[in-house]
Amino acid sequence: MANYSSNKLVVPEAKQGLNNFKTEVASELGLANYETVDKGNLTSRQNGSVGGEMTKRMVEAYERNL
């Protein structure tokens, strides 16, 4: 399977920070070793919950800074 993503970072320098954030959220959700696990072996719910929680936290942080 091709490893293609249409997601483009607005600030490419933020990539490592976002990866760290993703790993932190996954760990808090009980998905240990999220960096190294094959995401194809996780359910859509597991993968979606990581992205959803990240989005929720980023929106909350933005709203606090308004």
N, C-alpha and C. Protein backbone atom coordinates (compact mmCIF):
# COMPACT_ATOMS: atom_id res chain seq x y z
N MET A 1 0.84 -1.17 0.00
CA MET A 1 0.00 0.00 0.00
C MET A 1 0.89 1.24 0.00
N ALA A 2 0.53 2.22 -0.79
CA ALA A 2 1.31 3.45 -0.88
C ALA A 2 1.15 4.28 0.39
N ASN A 3 2.24 4.90 0.79
CA ASN A 3 2.22 5.76 1.96
C ASN A 3 2.05 7.20 1.50
N TYR A 4 0.82 7.58 1.14
CA TYR A 4 0.55 8.90 0.59
C TYR A 4 -0.42 9.63 1.49
N SER A 5 -0.11 10.88 1.75
CA SER A 5 -1.01 11.70 2.54
C SER A 5 -1.17 13.04 1.85
N SER A 6 -2.39 13.50 1.72
CA SER A 6 -2.64 14.80 1.10
C SER A 6 -2.57 15.92 2.14
N ASN A 7 -2.37 15.56 3.40
CA ASN A 7 -2.26 16.57 4.45
C ASN A 7 -0.94 17.29 4.34
N LYS A 8 -1.00 18.60 4.24
CA LYS A 8 0.21 19.41 4.16
C LYS A 8 0.29 20.27 5.40
N LEU A 9 1.44 20.29 6.05
CA LEU A 9 1.64 21.14 7.21
C LEU A 9 1.82 22.58 6.77
N VAL A 10 1.12 23.48 7.42
CA VAL A 10 1.27 24.90 7.13
C VAL A 10 2.65 25.35 7.61
N VAL A 11 3.08 24.80 8.73
CA VAL A 11 4.40 25.10 9.30
C VAL A 11 5.16 23.78 9.40
N PRO A 12 5.95 23.44 8.37
CA PRO A 12 6.65 22.16 8.36
C PRO A 12 7.54 21.92 9.59
N GLU A 13 8.03 22.99 10.19
CA GLU A 13 8.88 22.86 11.37
C GLU A 13 8.11 22.29 12.56
N ALA A 14 6.80 22.29 12.49
CA ALA A 14 5.96 21.81 13.59
C ALA A 14 5.77 20.29 13.56
N LYS A 15 6.29 19.63 12.55
CA LYS A 15 6.04 18.19 12.38
C LYS A 15 6.42 17.37 13.61
N GLN A 16 7.62 17.59 14.15
CA GLN A 16 8.07 16.81 15.30
C GLN A 16 7.19 17.09 16.51
N GLY A 17 6.82 18.34 16.71
CA GLY A 17 5.94 18.69 17.83
C GLY A 17 4.58 18.02 17.72
N LEU A 18 4.03 17.99 16.51
CA LEU A 18 2.74 17.32 16.30
C LEU A 18 2.86 15.82 16.52
N ASN A 19 3.96 15.23 16.08
CA ASN A 19 4.17 13.79 16.32
C ASN A 19 4.28 13.49 17.81
N ASN A 20 4.97 14.36 18.55
CA ASN A 20 5.08 14.18 20.00
C ASN A 20 3.71 14.30 20.66
N PHE A 21 2.93 15.28 20.20
CA PHE A 21 1.58 15.50 20.73
C PHE A 21 0.70 14.28 20.45
N LYS A 22 0.80 13.75 19.24
CA LYS A 22 0.01 12.57 18.86
C LYS A 22 0.36 11.38 19.74
N THR A 23 1.65 11.18 19.98
CA THR A 23 2.10 10.07 20.82
C THR A 23 1.61 10.24 22.25
N GLU A 24 1.66 11.47 22.77
CA GLU A 24 1.19 11.76 24.13
C GLU A 24 -0.30 11.46 24.26
N VAL A 25 -1.09 11.93 23.31
CA VAL A 25 -2.54 11.69 23.34
C VAL A 25 -2.84 10.20 23.24
N ALA A 26 -2.17 9.51 22.32
CA ALA A 26 -2.39 8.07 22.16
C ALA A 26 -2.08 7.32 23.44
N SER A 27 -1.00 7.71 24.10
CA SER A 27 -0.61 7.07 25.35
C SER A 27 -1.69 7.28 26.42
N GLU A 28 -2.21 8.51 26.50
CA GLU A 28 -3.26 8.80 27.48
C GLU A 28 -4.54 8.04 27.18
N LEU A 29 -4.76 7.68 25.91
CA LEU A 29 -5.94 6.92 25.52
C LEU A 29 -5.70 5.41 25.63
N GLY A 30 -4.52 5.02 26.09
CA GLY A 30 -4.23 3.61 26.30
C GLY A 30 -3.65 2.90 25.09
N LEU A 31 -3.19 3.65 24.10
CA LEU A 31 -2.59 3.05 22.91
C LEU A 31 -1.07 3.15 23.02
N ALA A 32 -0.48 2.24 23.76
CA ALA A 32 0.96 2.25 24.00
C ALA A 32 1.71 1.99 22.69
N ASN A 33 2.91 2.53 22.59
CA ASN A 33 3.78 2.33 21.42
C ASN A 33 3.12 2.78 20.12
N TYR A 34 2.37 3.86 20.16
CA TYR A 34 1.64 4.34 18.98
C TYR A 34 2.59 4.71 17.85
N GLU A 35 3.79 5.17 18.19
CA GLU A 35 4.77 5.55 17.15
C GLU A 35 5.17 4.37 16.30
N THR A 36 5.32 3.21 16.91
CA THR A 36 5.87 2.06 16.21
C THR A 36 4.82 1.04 15.76
N VAL A 37 3.61 1.14 16.29
CA VAL A 37 2.58 0.16 15.93
C VAL A 37 2.11 0.41 14.49
N ASP A 38 1.75 -0.65 13.79
CA ASP A 38 1.20 -0.55 12.45
C ASP A 38 -0.23 -0.04 12.58
N LYS A 39 -0.46 1.19 12.13
CA LYS A 39 -1.78 1.82 12.29
C LYS A 39 -2.87 1.03 11.57
N GLY A 40 -2.48 0.24 10.57
CA GLY A 40 -3.44 -0.58 9.85
C GLY A 40 -4.02 -1.69 10.70
N ASN A 41 -3.34 -2.03 11.79
CA ASN A 41 -3.84 -3.07 12.69
C ASN A 41 -4.73 -2.52 13.78
N LEU A 42 -4.88 -1.19 13.83
CA LEU A 42 -5.77 -0.56 14.81
C LEU A 42 -7.12 -0.33 14.17
N THR A 43 -8.14 -0.25 15.00
CA THR A 43 -9.48 0.01 14.46
C THR A 43 -9.61 1.48 14.06
N SER A 44 -10.59 1.76 13.24
CA SER A 44 -10.87 3.15 12.85
C SER A 44 -11.20 3.97 14.08
N ARG A 45 -11.89 3.38 15.01
CA ARG A 45 -12.25 4.09 16.25
C ARG A 45 -10.99 4.47 17.03
N GLN A 46 -10.02 3.56 17.13
CA GLN A 46 -8.79 3.86 17.86
C GLN A 46 -8.01 4.98 17.18
N ASN A 47 -7.81 4.86 15.88
CA ASN A 47 -7.09 5.90 15.15
C ASN A 47 -7.84 7.23 15.17
N GLY A 48 -9.14 7.18 15.00
CA GLY A 48 -9.95 8.40 14.99
C GLY A 48 -9.99 9.08 16.34
N SER A 49 -9.95 8.29 17.41
CA SER A 49 -10.00 8.89 18.73
C SER A 49 -8.75 9.71 19.02
N VAL A 50 -7.62 9.31 18.47
CA VAL A 50 -6.37 10.07 18.66
C VAL A 50 -6.50 11.42 17.95
N GLY A 51 -6.88 11.40 16.69
CA GLY A 51 -7.04 12.65 15.94
C GLY A 51 -8.12 13.54 16.52
N GLY A 52 -9.21 12.94 16.95
CA GLY A 52 -10.30 13.71 17.53
C GLY A 52 -9.91 14.39 18.83
N GLU A 53 -9.19 13.67 19.66
CA GLU A 53 -8.73 14.25 20.93
C GLU A 53 -7.70 15.35 20.69
N MET A 54 -6.83 15.15 19.70
CA MET A 54 -5.86 16.19 19.37
C MET A 54 -6.59 17.46 18.93
N THR A 55 -7.57 17.31 18.06
CA THR A 55 -8.33 18.46 17.57
C THR A 55 -9.04 19.16 18.71
N LYS A 56 -9.67 18.38 19.58
CA LYS A 56 -10.38 18.95 20.73
C LYS A 56 -9.44 19.80 21.58
N ARG A 57 -8.26 19.28 21.86
CA ARG A 57 -7.30 20.00 22.71
C ARG A 57 -6.76 21.25 22.02
N MET A 58 -6.52 21.17 20.71
CA MET A 58 -6.02 22.34 20.00
C MET A 58 -7.07 23.45 19.95
N VAL A 59 -8.34 23.07 19.76
CA VAL A 59 -9.41 24.07 19.75
C VAL A 59 -9.54 24.69 21.13
N GLU A 60 -9.48 23.88 22.18
CA GLU A 60 -9.57 24.41 23.54
C GLU A 60 -8.43 25.39 23.82
N ALA A 61 -7.22 25.05 23.38
CA ALA A 61 -6.07 25.93 23.60
C ALA A 61 -6.26 27.24 22.84
N TYR A 62 -6.76 27.17 21.65
CA TYR A 62 -6.99 28.38 20.84
C TYR A 62 -8.04 29.26 21.51
N GLU A 63 -9.12 28.64 21.98
CA GLU A 63 -10.20 29.41 22.61
C GLU A 63 -9.72 30.08 23.90
N ARG A 64 -8.86 29.42 24.65
CA ARG A 64 -8.32 30.03 25.87
C ARG A 64 -7.47 31.25 25.55
N ASN A 65 -6.83 31.25 24.39
CA ASN A 65 -5.95 32.35 24.01
C ASN A 65 -6.68 33.50 23.31
N LEU A 66 -7.96 33.37 23.10
CA LEU A 66 -8.73 34.45 22.47
C LEU A 66 -8.93 35.60 23.41
